Protein backbone atom coordinates (compact mmCIF):
# COMPACT_ATOMS: atom_id res chain seq x y z
CA MET A 1 -23.64 89.08 310.81
CA ALA A 2 -27.15 88.12 309.98
CA GLU A 3 -29.23 85.43 311.73
CA LEU A 4 -28.87 82.08 309.61
CA ASN A 5 -32.22 80.51 309.22
CA GLY A 6 -31.18 77.02 307.96
CA LYS A 7 -30.09 74.19 310.06
CA VAL A 8 -27.48 71.53 309.67
CA LEU A 9 -27.76 67.68 309.72
CA PRO A 10 -27.21 65.66 312.75
CA GLY A 11 -23.62 65.39 313.79
CA LYS A 12 -22.44 68.35 311.78
CA ILE A 13 -21.56 71.81 312.70
CA LEU A 14 -21.38 75.34 310.87
CA VAL A 15 -18.16 77.17 311.86
CA LYS A 16 -17.07 80.79 310.96
CA PRO A 17 -13.45 80.74 310.41
CA GLN A 18 -11.16 83.22 312.19
CA GLU A 19 -9.53 85.81 309.79
CA ALA A 20 -6.23 84.89 308.65
CA GLU A 21 -3.22 87.05 309.96
CA GLU A 22 -2.39 90.14 308.29
CA LYS A 23 0.84 90.84 310.15
CA THR A 24 3.56 89.01 312.11
CA ALA A 25 4.13 89.87 315.81
CA SER A 26 7.04 92.03 314.59
CA GLY A 27 4.88 93.80 312.11
CA ILE A 28 5.84 92.28 308.78
CA ILE A 29 2.81 92.50 306.27
CA ILE A 30 1.96 88.94 305.12
CA PRO A 31 0.93 88.87 301.25
CA ASP A 32 -2.11 86.83 300.39
CA SER A 33 -0.17 83.81 298.71
CA ALA A 34 1.71 83.25 301.93
CA LYS A 35 -0.99 83.52 304.65
CA GLU A 36 -1.99 80.10 306.06
CA LYS A 37 -5.42 78.86 306.16
CA PRO A 38 -6.88 79.60 309.51
CA GLN A 39 -7.58 76.49 311.84
CA GLN A 40 -9.71 78.18 314.50
CA GLY A 41 -13.35 79.55 314.35
CA LYS A 42 -16.64 80.04 316.33
CA VAL A 43 -19.58 77.72 316.09
CA ILE A 44 -22.54 79.26 314.59
CA LEU A 45 -25.07 76.35 314.05
CA VAL A 46 -24.97 72.80 315.61
CA GLY A 47 -26.92 69.81 314.28
CA GLU A 48 -28.81 67.37 316.20
CA ALA A 49 -27.12 64.36 318.15
CA LYS A 50 -26.52 61.33 316.29
CA LYS A 51 -28.15 58.25 318.11
CA ASP A 52 -24.56 56.88 318.85
CA GLU A 53 -22.86 60.10 319.63
CA PRO A 54 -23.76 63.07 321.72
CA MET A 55 -23.19 66.59 320.56
CA VAL A 56 -20.48 67.96 322.70
CA VAL A 57 -19.79 71.08 320.71
CA LYS A 58 -22.11 73.94 321.40
CA GLU A 59 -23.16 77.23 319.48
CA GLY A 60 -20.78 80.16 320.61
CA ASP A 61 -17.83 77.67 321.31
CA VAL A 62 -14.32 78.44 319.94
CA VAL A 63 -12.86 75.38 318.15
CA LEU A 64 -9.49 74.36 316.83
CA TYR A 65 -9.85 72.05 313.76
CA GLY A 66 -7.35 70.42 310.98
CA LYS A 67 -5.99 72.53 308.34
CA TYR A 68 -8.09 70.50 305.72
CA SER A 69 -11.37 69.92 307.85
CA GLY A 70 -14.86 70.64 306.55
CA THR A 71 -16.44 71.91 303.24
CA GLU A 72 -16.22 75.57 302.49
CA LEU A 73 -19.53 77.31 301.95
CA SER A 74 -20.63 80.85 301.28
CA ILE A 75 -23.88 81.96 302.73
CA GLU A 76 -25.29 85.24 302.45
CA ASN A 77 -21.74 86.53 301.36
CA GLU A 78 -20.18 85.06 304.45
CA ASP A 79 -17.75 82.31 304.38
CA TYR A 80 -18.24 79.04 306.71
CA LEU A 81 -16.96 75.79 307.01
CA LEU A 82 -19.36 72.69 307.58
CA MET A 83 -17.74 69.97 309.20
CA SER A 84 -18.50 66.73 311.39
CA GLN A 85 -18.04 67.08 315.18
CA GLN A 86 -15.40 64.62 314.88
CA ASP A 87 -13.18 66.96 312.69
CA VAL A 88 -12.88 69.29 316.10
CA LEU A 89 -9.74 68.99 317.59
CA TYR A 90 -9.86 71.19 320.63
CA ILE A 91 -12.61 73.54 322.20
CA LEU A 92 -11.25 76.49 323.72
């Protein structure tokens, strides 16, 4: 993955979503139409803290987020999610 040169606004994070599962645990291949949207990803960029909300999430953290959280972006042919720190449900 190439180094990203941009920055995100205060209170926002840029997440690289984990790839959707290709097979079930028993080996059945899942078709594209039945794949669930990933709800886990790695934090790539973190904006500055807002004056009333410190940034708890750090670059490199693996986070869980809601199914419909964030805005999908494509930067340098890579897919990312831009979301508020408040959309993060859990930090692994």
